[in-house]
Amino acid sequence: MSRLVVGPFNRVEGDLEVQLEVEEGCVRSARVNATMYRGFEQILLQHAPLDALTYAPRICGICSVSQSIAAARALAGLAGVQPPDNGLLALNLMAATENLADHLSHFYLFFMPDFVRPVYADRPWYPEAVARFTPLQGSQQRLAISARKRWLDLIGTLGGKWPHTGSIQPGGSTRAIDAAERLRLLTRVREFRQFLEAELFAAPLERINAFTSEDQLWAWHAEAPGQGDFRQFLHIALDTGLEHLGPGPGLYLSYGAYPRADGSSVFPRGLWDGVTQCAQPLDLDAIREDSAHAWLDDAGGPRHPADGQTQPLLEKTDAYTWNKAPRLAGAVLETGAIARQLIAGQPLLRDAVARCSATVYTRLLARLLELAQVVPLMESWLIALRPGEPYYRAAALPDKGRAVGLTEAARGALGHWLEVEHGKISRYQIIAPTTWNFSPRDAQGQPGALEQALQGAPVLPGEKSPVAVQHIVRSFDPCMVCTVH
């Protein structure tokens, strides 16, 4: 058995190192190291509660809206305030804009460039992949960068700026949208739809959203195999075996995305059990963070985040990361678009995961399907806005209390747990999507979701940065700076 250290990774957000034990040409075990300690949970202590709206977005520059919304929802829970309908729609629009920008960036800028590596030069699709996805030069890369830039202008109108949007508050959004702005926003959303329908899917979004099985998906693919980047991905995925690469733990978590005024969500909160193929309710009280293998004080054992602590402790012989290990009733979970889609009952994805589990192929499929699903929703939300009606409700914060703010970032479940005493933050704990997916082993020795997914990955002779490992890591789309700890 040999040891291989892979990292730092390019084309991921933040610093990541993976230690691999390799035997007979495949990974036998993996340890995932979040190498950067940031300490936002300590920085926030003893600040006025509303300061969280300034600090929390700075956790990350690419999912700052998600961090803002989680912080605002924790404060809203503390204040007992609910945004008006316009405010709820505006927050959904900002969250969706950021999440879809992440999906677009992930596909074109982070994931697909791995297929222009020389290791694939003998594959029949390789010349087309080089022409489309070569970084900074590929035709589709240039188009995607342009589309992303124009897409993010939406948040400039909705929230004033991006990143670190300042309009997101516990009572809604302080940036009202007038009738002329709503029309301009709708035009920009339809422009993005045009890009997706012309370049990514080469089909109307409604056609993509109508697929209910893999048989329908592959029949559509066969109609015009080289048309559009989605079909190109499907062709590559089938040829390279991505459907069997990087299986996850089989239990999937979502906090629910895009809430409605009636308290429901477009993508509901819950769990999906890959064994029983059933959705289950989520018990937030069953969450614990285990620091046994983190450079953090783990006195008292695993803690619920409402009672959590983040105290660096470098003198730990069994530690290998700054990341805690979140668990739900002791179980390892995976989160992300795949969880949202499974829990919401998306039939094509449920069919694909029933066949091949959560793999590189199905994780990418979930994110691409979400692009097709959410753009029409955004059109309907913009039409539903009522110019002249309130976007925000003022609320007073109590001097003492506890609350939690939950949301779904592009990469999955994000939670902020807040405690206030004497008008100051006395505890602030954050579990980000990458905290779940890239967690280390817990006290029972259970590997995290990525650590499990890497087991069995092939390592070719002479590879120092195995391409299969790169595919698996990028299928989770890590945001290491958001692991916070």
Protein backbone atom coordinates (compact mmCIF):
# COMPACT_ATOMS: atom_id res chain seq x y z
CA MET A 1 0.00 0.00 0.00
CA SER A 2 1.24 3.50 -0.86
CA ARG A 3 0.24 6.94 0.34
CA LEU A 4 -0.60 9.81 -1.98
CA VAL A 5 -1.29 13.39 -0.94
CA VAL A 6 -3.35 15.35 -3.47
CA GLY A 7 -3.58 19.11 -3.08
CA PRO A 8 -3.95 21.93 -3.08
CA PHE A 9 -6.73 21.43 -5.63
CA ASN A 10 -7.26 23.91 -8.43
CA ARG A 11 -10.73 25.00 -9.54
CA VAL A 12 -12.25 24.64 -6.06
CA GLU A 13 -13.10 27.39 -3.59
CA GLY A 14 -10.49 27.49 -0.83
CA ASP A 15 -7.72 25.20 0.37
CA LEU A 16 -8.18 21.44 0.21
CA GLU A 17 -5.86 18.49 0.69
CA VAL A 18 -6.76 14.81 0.34
CA GLN A 19 -4.60 12.00 1.73
CA LEU A 20 -5.10 8.71 -0.09
CA GLU A 21 -4.10 5.17 0.76
CA VAL A 22 -3.67 3.41 -2.59
CA GLU A 23 -3.49 -0.34 -3.14
CA GLU A 24 -3.63 -2.34 -6.36
CA GLY A 25 -4.57 0.65 -8.45
CA CYS A 26 -7.43 2.04 -6.38
CA VAL A 27 -8.09 4.15 -3.30
CA ARG A 28 -8.56 2.04 -0.17
CA SER A 29 -9.13 4.94 2.23
CA ALA A 30 -9.11 8.73 2.18
CA ARG A 31 -8.75 11.57 4.65
CA VAL A 32 -10.00 15.01 3.67
CA ASN A 33 -8.21 17.99 5.17
CA ALA A 34 -9.70 21.48 5.29
CA THR A 35 -6.38 23.21 5.82
CA MET A 36 -7.51 26.76 6.65
CA TYR A 37 -8.84 27.90 10.03
CA ARG A 38 -10.97 31.05 9.78
CA GLY A 39 -12.85 31.41 13.05
CA PHE A 40 -15.95 33.39 12.06
CA GLU A 41 -17.85 31.72 14.86
CA GLN A 42 -15.46 33.30 17.35
CA ILE A 43 -15.28 36.64 15.53
CA LEU A 44 -19.04 37.09 15.93
CA LEU A 45 -19.05 36.64 19.71
CA GLN A 46 -20.00 39.69 21.79
CA HIS A 47 -21.14 41.63 18.75
CA ALA A 48 -24.59 43.18 18.46
CA PRO A 49 -26.87 40.59 16.81
CA LEU A 50 -27.43 42.67 13.67
CA ASP A 51 -23.66 42.68 13.09
CA ALA A 52 -24.12 39.11 11.85
CA LEU A 53 -25.61 40.61 8.67
CA THR A 54 -22.27 42.32 8.01
CA TYR A 55 -19.90 39.54 9.07
CA ALA A 56 -21.69 36.40 7.86
CA PRO A 57 -21.66 37.29 4.12
CA ARG A 58 -17.87 37.73 4.33
CA ILE A 59 -17.51 34.04 5.08
CA CYS A 60 -17.57 33.53 1.30
CA GLY A 61 -17.52 35.67 -1.81
CA ILE A 62 -19.41 33.24 -4.04
CA CYS A 63 -22.31 32.26 -1.76
CA SER A 64 -22.60 35.42 0.31
CA VAL A 65 -26.35 35.73 -0.35
CA SER A 66 -26.89 32.27 1.17
CA GLN A 67 -24.89 33.25 4.26
CA SER A 68 -26.85 36.51 4.50
CA ILE A 69 -30.19 34.74 4.25
CA ALA A 70 -29.24 32.16 6.91
CA ALA A 71 -28.14 34.94 9.26
CA ALA A 72 -31.27 36.99 8.53
CA ARG A 73 -33.53 33.99 9.19
CA ALA A 74 -31.83 33.32 12.52
CA LEU A 75 -32.41 36.96 13.49
CA ALA A 76 -36.00 36.79 12.19
CA GLY A 77 -36.60 33.77 14.41
CA LEU A 78 -35.21 35.71 17.34
CA ALA A 79 -37.44 38.72 16.57
CA GLY A 80 -40.52 36.72 15.57
CA VAL A 81 -40.91 38.51 12.25
CA GLN A 82 -41.98 37.18 8.83
CA PRO A 83 -41.14 39.10 5.62
CA PRO A 84 -44.10 40.35 3.54
CA ASP A 85 -44.84 38.53 0.29
CA ASN A 86 -42.72 40.91 -1.80
CA GLY A 87 -39.80 40.51 0.58
CA LEU A 88 -40.06 36.74 0.46
CA LEU A 89 -40.08 36.80 -3.36
CA ALA A 90 -37.12 39.19 -3.48
CA LEU A 91 -35.06 36.97 -1.17
CA ASN A 92 -35.96 33.90 -3.25
CA LEU A 93 -34.92 35.73 -6.41
CA MET A 94 -31.55 36.72 -4.94
CA ALA A 95 -30.92 33.22 -3.59
CA ALA A 96 -31.88 31.62 -6.90
CA THR A 97 -29.69 34.01 -8.89
CA GLU A 98 -26.65 33.14 -6.79
CA ASN A 99 -27.38 29.40 -6.77
CA LEU A 100 -27.84 29.21 -10.55
CA ALA A 101 -24.68 31.26 -11.10
CA ASP A 102 -22.86 28.65 -9.01
CA HIS A 103 -24.37 25.79 -11.02
CA LEU A 104 -23.31 27.46 -14.27
CA SER A 105 -19.78 28.15 -13.01
CA HIS A 106 -19.44 24.64 -11.64
CA PHE A 107 -20.37 22.97 -14.91
CA TYR A 108 -18.44 25.15 -17.37
CA LEU A 109 -15.50 26.45 -15.34
CA PHE A 110 -14.80 23.80 -12.69
CA PHE A 111 -16.03 20.38 -13.82
CA MET A 112 -15.94 20.06 -17.62
CA PRO A 113 -12.33 21.33 -18.04
CA ASP A 114 -11.11 18.06 -16.49
CA PHE A 115 -12.10 16.30 -19.72
CA VAL A 116 -9.55 18.21 -21.80
CA ARG A 117 -6.72 16.50 -19.88
CA PRO A 118 -4.26 14.49 -22.02
CA VAL A 119 -5.34 11.27 -20.27
CA TYR A 120 -8.50 11.41 -22.41
CA ALA A 121 -6.78 12.24 -25.70
CA ASP A 122 -7.69 8.86 -27.24
CA ARG A 123 -11.42 9.26 -26.66
CA PRO A 124 -13.58 10.08 -29.71
CA TRP A 125 -15.25 13.05 -27.96
CA TYR A 126 -11.92 14.62 -26.89
CA PRO A 127 -11.45 17.12 -29.78
CA GLU A 128 -14.95 18.50 -29.25
CA ALA A 129 -14.37 18.76 -25.49
CA VAL A 130 -11.15 20.68 -26.10
CA ALA A 131 -12.92 23.08 -28.46
CA ARG A 132 -15.77 23.66 -25.99
CA PHE A 133 -14.28 23.49 -22.49
CA THR A 134 -10.57 24.41 -22.54
CA PRO A 135 -10.12 27.02 -19.78
CA LEU A 136 -10.15 30.61 -21.08
CA GLN A 137 -10.17 29.42 -24.69
CA GLY A 138 -13.09 27.04 -25.20
CA SER A 139 -16.06 28.46 -27.07
CA GLN A 140 -18.57 27.49 -24.40
CA GLN A 141 -16.38 28.72 -21.58
CA ARG A 142 -16.34 32.21 -23.07
CA LEU A 143 -20.11 32.18 -23.60
CA ALA A 144 -20.75 30.92 -20.06
CA ILE A 145 -18.54 33.59 -18.48
CA SER A 146 -20.41 36.27 -20.38
CA ALA A 147 -23.80 34.80 -19.43
CA ARG A 148 -22.78 34.55 -15.78
CA LYS A 149 -21.62 38.14 -15.66
CA ARG A 150 -24.89 39.46 -17.05
CA TRP A 151 -26.89 37.08 -14.85
CA LEU A 152 -25.36 38.37 -11.62
CA ASP A 153 -26.46 41.90 -12.56
CA LEU A 154 -29.85 40.74 -11.27
CA ILE A 155 -28.59 40.91 -7.68
CA GLY A 156 -27.28 44.42 -8.32
CA THR A 157 -30.87 45.50 -8.94
CA LEU A 158 -32.52 43.27 -6.34
CA GLY A 159 -30.05 43.82 -3.52
CA GLY A 160 -27.87 46.79 -4.41
CA LYS A 161 -24.64 44.83 -4.99
CA TRP A 162 -23.05 41.39 -5.07
CA PRO A 163 -21.27 39.90 -3.20
CA HIS A 164 -22.03 40.91 0.40
CA THR A 165 -25.49 42.20 -0.43
CA GLY A 166 -26.72 44.64 2.23
CA SER A 167 -30.46 44.69 1.58
CA ILE A 168 -31.17 41.29 3.18
CA GLN A 169 -32.68 41.84 6.63
CA PRO A 170 -34.72 39.78 9.13
CA GLY A 171 -37.91 41.47 7.94
CA GLY A 172 -37.31 41.02 4.20
CA SER A 173 -35.43 43.18 1.71
CA THR A 174 -34.85 46.90 2.11
CA ARG A 175 -34.50 47.32 -1.67
CA ALA A 176 -37.97 47.78 -3.21
CA ILE A 177 -38.41 47.01 -6.93
CA ASP A 178 -40.48 49.36 -9.05
CA ALA A 179 -42.44 48.39 -12.16
CA ALA A 180 -39.73 49.44 -14.63
CA GLU A 181 -37.07 47.50 -12.72
CA ARG A 182 -39.28 44.42 -12.62
CA LEU A 183 -39.56 44.53 -16.40
CA ARG A 184 -35.79 44.85 -16.80
CA LEU A 185 -35.24 41.93 -14.42
CA LEU A 186 -37.70 39.77 -16.33
CA THR A 187 -35.87 40.61 -19.56
CA ARG A 188 -32.56 39.53 -18.00
CA VAL A 189 -34.03 36.23 -16.74
CA ARG A 190 -35.39 35.49 -20.20
CA GLU A 191 -32.00 36.31 -21.70
CA PHE A 192 -30.46 33.69 -19.40
CA ARG A 193 -33.19 31.24 -20.42
CA GLN A 194 -32.18 31.85 -24.03
CA PHE A 195 -28.55 30.98 -23.23
CA LEU A 196 -29.61 27.76 -21.49
CA GLU A 197 -31.95 26.74 -24.29
CA ALA A 198 -29.48 27.57 -27.07
CA GLU A 199 -26.14 26.45 -25.58
CA LEU A 200 -26.52 24.20 -22.54
CA PHE A 201 -29.64 22.16 -23.28
CA ALA A 202 -30.27 22.88 -26.97
CA ALA A 203 -33.94 22.43 -26.09
CA PRO A 204 -36.73 24.37 -24.36
CA LEU A 205 -36.50 24.21 -20.58
CA GLU A 206 -39.99 22.76 -20.50
CA ARG A 207 -38.77 19.79 -22.53
CA ILE A 208 -35.99 19.10 -20.04
CA ASN A 209 -38.36 19.48 -17.09
CA ALA A 210 -40.81 16.98 -18.65
CA PHE A 211 -38.39 14.02 -18.47
CA THR A 212 -39.65 11.46 -15.96
CA SER A 213 -37.15 8.65 -16.52
CA GLU A 214 -33.66 7.89 -17.74
CA ASP A 215 -35.16 6.10 -20.74
CA GLN A 216 -36.71 9.40 -21.84
CA LEU A 217 -33.45 11.25 -21.19
CA TRP A 218 -31.35 8.87 -23.28
CA ALA A 219 -33.95 8.75 -26.06
CA TRP A 220 -33.77 12.54 -26.22
CA HIS A 221 -29.97 12.36 -26.24
CA ALA A 222 -30.10 9.99 -29.22
CA GLU A 223 -32.16 12.49 -31.25
CA ALA A 224 -29.12 14.75 -31.74
CA PRO A 225 -26.08 13.32 -29.90
CA GLY A 226 -23.70 16.24 -30.48
CA GLN A 227 -26.14 19.08 -29.94
CA GLY A 228 -25.75 21.18 -26.80
CA ASP A 229 -23.41 20.93 -23.82
CA PHE A 230 -25.81 18.80 -21.75
CA ARG A 231 -25.78 16.08 -24.41
CA GLN A 232 -22.00 16.39 -24.59
CA PHE A 233 -21.81 15.81 -20.83
CA LEU A 234 -24.12 12.78 -21.07
CA HIS A 235 -21.98 11.28 -23.84
CA ILE A 236 -18.78 11.78 -21.81
CA ALA A 237 -20.41 10.48 -18.62
CA LEU A 238 -21.50 7.28 -20.33
CA ASP A 239 -18.12 6.72 -21.99
CA THR A 240 -16.04 7.34 -18.84
CA GLY A 241 -18.25 5.51 -16.34
CA LEU A 242 -19.17 8.55 -14.24
CA GLU A 243 -22.44 6.81 -13.34
CA HIS A 244 -20.48 4.39 -11.15
CA LEU A 245 -17.79 6.76 -9.82
CA GLY A 246 -17.87 8.23 -6.32
CA PRO A 247 -20.93 6.68 -4.62
CA GLY A 248 -22.12 8.60 -1.57
CA PRO A 249 -23.39 7.42 1.83
CA GLY A 250 -26.99 6.92 0.68
CA LEU A 251 -28.68 9.39 3.04
CA TYR A 252 -29.44 12.90 1.74
CA LEU A 253 -30.31 16.11 3.60
CA SER A 254 -32.08 19.32 2.58
CA TYR A 255 -33.32 22.19 4.76
CA GLY A 256 -35.77 23.24 2.05
CA ALA A 257 -35.37 25.96 -0.57
CA TYR A 258 -37.43 28.92 -1.77
CA PRO A 259 -40.10 29.30 0.93
CA ARG A 260 -43.67 30.32 0.14
CA ALA A 261 -45.93 32.61 2.16
CA ASP A 262 -47.92 29.61 3.44
CA GLY A 263 -44.83 28.14 5.13
CA SER A 264 -44.14 25.45 2.53
CA SER A 265 -41.13 25.47 0.20
CA VAL A 266 -40.65 24.79 -3.50
CA PHE A 267 -38.03 22.21 -2.53
CA PRO A 268 -39.23 20.79 0.82
CA ARG A 269 -37.19 20.11 3.92
CA GLY A 270 -36.39 16.50 4.75
CA LEU A 271 -34.24 13.43 4.23
CA TRP A 272 -34.07 10.90 1.43
CA ASP A 273 -33.14 7.35 2.33
CA GLY A 274 -31.43 5.61 -0.58
CA VAL A 275 -32.16 2.16 0.86
CA THR A 276 -35.90 2.52 1.35
CA GLN A 277 -36.26 5.01 -1.53
CA CYS A 278 -38.46 7.17 0.70
CA ALA A 279 -38.51 10.75 1.95
CA GLN A 280 -38.46 11.20 5.72
CA PRO A 281 -38.99 14.16 8.06
CA LEU A 282 -35.93 15.93 9.40
CA ASP A 283 -35.30 16.14 13.14
CA LEU A 284 -33.01 19.14 13.69
CA ASP A 285 -32.53 18.13 17.32
CA ALA A 286 -30.70 14.98 16.15
CA ILE A 287 -27.80 16.97 14.61
CA ARG A 288 -24.46 16.73 16.39
CA GLU A 289 -21.01 18.04 15.49
CA ASP A 290 -18.14 15.69 16.30
CA SER A 291 -14.66 17.20 16.67
CA ALA A 292 -12.75 14.01 17.46
CA HIS A 293 -10.54 14.32 14.37
CA ALA A 294 -10.47 18.12 14.08
CA TRP A 295 -7.88 20.49 15.56
CA LEU A 296 -10.62 21.67 17.90
CA ASP A 297 -11.44 21.05 21.54
CA ASP A 298 -13.86 18.11 21.69
CA ALA A 299 -14.38 18.08 25.46
CA GLY A 300 -17.86 16.84 26.25
CA GLY A 301 -18.16 14.85 23.02
CA PRO A 302 -20.37 15.63 20.05
CA ARG A 303 -22.55 18.71 20.53
CA HIS A 304 -25.71 20.06 19.00
CA PRO A 305 -24.81 23.29 17.16
CA ALA A 306 -27.09 25.28 19.48
CA ASP A 307 -24.65 24.30 22.25
CA GLY A 308 -21.56 24.08 20.07
CA GLN A 309 -18.13 25.53 20.53
CA THR A 310 -15.21 26.27 18.23
CA GLN A 311 -11.98 26.33 20.21
CA PRO A 312 -8.72 25.57 18.35
CA LEU A 313 -6.59 22.82 19.89
CA LEU A 314 -3.51 21.93 17.87
CA GLU A 315 -2.14 19.31 20.26
CA LYS A 316 -4.33 16.42 19.07
CA THR A 317 -2.60 13.35 17.70
CA ASP A 318 -5.72 11.98 15.96
CA ALA A 319 -6.68 15.26 14.25
CA TYR A 320 -6.12 15.93 10.56
CA THR A 321 -8.45 18.80 9.59
CA TRP A 322 -10.08 22.00 10.82
CA ASN A 323 -13.50 20.71 9.78
CA LYS A 324 -15.95 19.25 12.28
CA ALA A 325 -17.93 16.11 11.48
CA PRO A 326 -21.69 16.82 11.49
CA ARG A 327 -23.90 13.77 11.90
CA LEU A 328 -27.66 13.20 12.11
CA ALA A 329 -28.46 10.64 14.82
CA GLY A 330 -24.95 9.35 14.21
CA ALA A 331 -25.43 8.93 10.44
CA VAL A 332 -23.26 10.36 7.66
CA LEU A 333 -25.21 12.55 5.23
CA GLU A 334 -24.74 14.04 1.78
CA THR A 335 -26.27 17.38 0.85
CA GLY A 336 -26.60 19.40 -2.34
CA ALA A 337 -28.82 19.71 -5.39
CA ILE A 338 -29.13 15.93 -5.50
CA ALA A 339 -30.73 15.95 -2.04
CA ARG A 340 -33.13 18.75 -2.97
CA GLN A 341 -34.23 16.94 -6.12
CA LEU A 342 -34.70 13.56 -4.45
CA ILE A 343 -36.71 14.92 -1.54
CA ALA A 344 -38.84 17.05 -3.89
CA GLY A 345 -39.66 13.94 -5.95
CA GLN A 346 -37.97 14.86 -9.24
CA PRO A 347 -38.80 11.65 -11.19
CA LEU A 348 -35.83 11.57 -13.58
CA LEU A 349 -33.32 11.99 -10.78
CA ARG A 350 -35.04 9.47 -8.54
CA ASP A 351 -34.91 7.01 -11.44
CA ALA A 352 -31.21 7.66 -12.04
CA VAL A 353 -30.25 7.42 -8.35
CA ALA A 354 -32.28 4.21 -7.93
CA ARG A 355 -30.11 2.72 -10.68
CA CYS A 356 -26.65 3.99 -9.78
CA SER A 357 -26.85 5.85 -6.44
CA ALA A 358 -25.37 9.28 -5.81
CA THR A 359 -22.38 9.39 -8.13
CA VAL A 360 -20.46 11.93 -10.17
CA TYR A 361 -23.06 11.55 -12.93
CA THR A 362 -26.16 12.01 -10.77
CA ARG A 363 -24.68 14.93 -8.80
CA LEU A 364 -24.05 16.81 -12.04
CA LEU A 365 -27.41 15.77 -13.44
CA ALA A 366 -29.17 17.20 -10.37
CA ARG A 367 -27.50 20.59 -10.73
CA LEU A 368 -28.26 20.82 -14.44
CA LEU A 369 -31.89 19.86 -13.88
CA GLU A 370 -32.13 22.56 -11.23
CA LEU A 371 -31.01 25.17 -13.77
CA ALA A 372 -33.91 24.13 -15.99
CA GLN A 373 -36.41 24.09 -13.12
CA VAL A 374 -35.61 27.34 -11.31
CA VAL A 375 -35.45 29.80 -14.23
CA PRO A 376 -39.20 29.40 -14.97
CA LEU A 377 -39.87 29.77 -11.24
CA MET A 378 -37.96 33.04 -11.22
CA GLU A 379 -40.09 34.30 -14.11
CA SER A 380 -43.22 33.53 -12.08
CA TRP A 381 -41.80 35.20 -8.94
CA LEU A 382 -41.03 38.39 -10.85
CA ILE A 383 -44.55 38.46 -12.28
CA ALA A 384 -45.92 37.96 -8.75
CA LEU A 385 -44.13 41.03 -7.32
CA ARG A 386 -46.48 43.90 -6.47
CA PRO A 387 -44.74 47.27 -6.92
CA GLY A 388 -45.84 49.76 -4.31
CA GLU A 389 -46.50 47.11 -1.65
CA PRO A 390 -44.00 46.55 1.22
CA TYR A 391 -40.83 44.49 0.88
CA TYR A 392 -39.78 44.76 4.53
CA ARG A 393 -41.16 44.69 8.06
CA ALA A 394 -39.30 46.33 10.91
CA ALA A 395 -38.79 44.26 14.07
CA ALA A 396 -37.16 44.68 17.47
CA LEU A 397 -34.67 42.09 18.69
CA PRO A 398 -34.89 40.79 22.26
CA ASP A 399 -31.92 40.96 24.61
CA LYS A 400 -31.98 37.21 25.14
CA GLY A 401 -32.93 34.19 23.06
CA ARG A 402 -31.97 31.39 20.70
CA ALA A 403 -32.85 30.82 17.07
CA VAL A 404 -31.73 29.00 13.93
CA GLY A 405 -31.62 30.20 10.34
CA LEU A 406 -31.77 27.54 7.61
CA THR A 407 -31.41 27.84 3.85
CA GLU A 408 -30.13 25.97 0.82
CA ALA A 409 -27.00 27.23 -0.87
CA ALA A 410 -26.06 25.85 -4.29
CA ARG A 411 -23.98 23.16 -2.58
CA GLY A 412 -26.66 22.17 -0.06
CA ALA A 413 -27.88 22.64 3.51
CA LEU A 414 -26.64 25.74 5.37
CA GLY A 415 -27.56 26.46 8.99
CA HIS A 416 -26.76 29.31 11.40
CA TRP A 417 -27.43 28.71 15.11
CA LEU A 418 -27.58 31.94 17.15
CA GLU A 419 -27.74 32.67 20.88
CA VAL A 420 -28.06 36.16 22.36
CA GLU A 421 -27.53 37.18 25.98
CA HIS A 422 -27.66 40.73 27.37
CA GLY A 423 -28.12 42.06 23.85
CA LYS A 424 -24.89 40.49 22.53
CA ILE A 425 -24.12 37.34 20.56
CA SER A 426 -23.04 34.72 23.09
CA ARG A 427 -22.89 31.78 20.65
CA TYR A 428 -22.86 31.51 16.87
CA GLN A 429 -22.40 28.18 15.12
CA ILE A 430 -22.50 27.48 11.40
CA ILE A 431 -22.75 24.19 9.52
CA ALA A 432 -22.17 24.74 5.80
CA PRO A 433 -22.79 22.26 2.98
CA THR A 434 -19.09 21.47 2.68
CA THR A 435 -18.97 20.87 6.45
CA TRP A 436 -21.39 17.97 5.83
CA ASN A 437 -19.89 16.66 2.61
CA PHE A 438 -16.18 17.02 3.44
CA SER A 439 -16.38 16.04 7.09
CA PRO A 440 -13.63 13.91 8.61
CA ARG A 441 -14.07 10.69 10.53
CA ASP A 442 -16.13 10.91 13.69
CA ALA A 443 -15.36 9.37 17.07
CA GLN A 444 -16.74 6.03 15.83
CA GLY A 445 -14.36 6.07 12.87
CA GLN A 446 -17.05 6.67 10.24
CA PRO A 447 -15.60 8.49 7.21
CA GLY A 448 -17.41 11.56 5.88
CA ALA A 449 -19.36 11.61 2.62
CA LEU A 450 -16.43 12.50 0.34
CA GLU A 451 -14.09 10.17 2.21
CA GLN A 452 -16.53 7.33 1.52
CA ALA A 453 -17.05 8.39 -2.10
CA LEU A 454 -13.31 8.28 -2.79
CA GLN A 455 -12.96 4.66 -1.67
CA GLY A 456 -12.51 2.48 -4.74
CA ALA A 457 -11.58 5.33 -7.07
CA PRO A 458 -9.09 4.15 -9.72
CA VAL A 459 -5.53 5.46 -9.68
CA LEU A 460 -3.63 5.00 -12.94
CA PRO A 461 0.07 4.10 -12.90
CA GLY A 462 2.19 7.20 -12.33
CA GLU A 463 -0.73 9.49 -11.45
CA LYS A 464 0.14 12.08 -8.79
CA SER A 465 -3.23 13.82 -9.01
CA PRO A 466 -5.60 11.03 -10.11
CA VAL A 467 -8.20 12.23 -12.58
CA ALA A 468 -10.91 10.05 -11.02
CA VAL A 469 -10.25 11.68 -7.65
CA GLN A 470 -10.53 15.09 -9.30
CA HIS A 471 -13.91 14.16 -10.81
CA ILE A 472 -15.28 12.92 -7.47
CA VAL A 473 -14.08 15.93 -5.49
CA ARG A 474 -15.45 18.37 -8.05
CA SER A 475 -18.80 16.57 -8.25
CA PHE A 476 -19.40 17.82 -4.68
CA ASP A 477 -18.19 21.32 -5.68
CA PRO A 478 -16.43 22.11 -2.40
CA CYS A 479 -16.46 25.58 -0.89
CA MET A 480 -13.72 25.12 1.69
CA VAL A 481 -13.84 28.69 3.02
CA CYS A 482 -17.46 28.03 4.04
CA THR A 483 -16.54 25.17 6.32
CA VAL A 484 -15.92 28.08 8.72
CA HIS A 485 -14.19 26.16 11.48
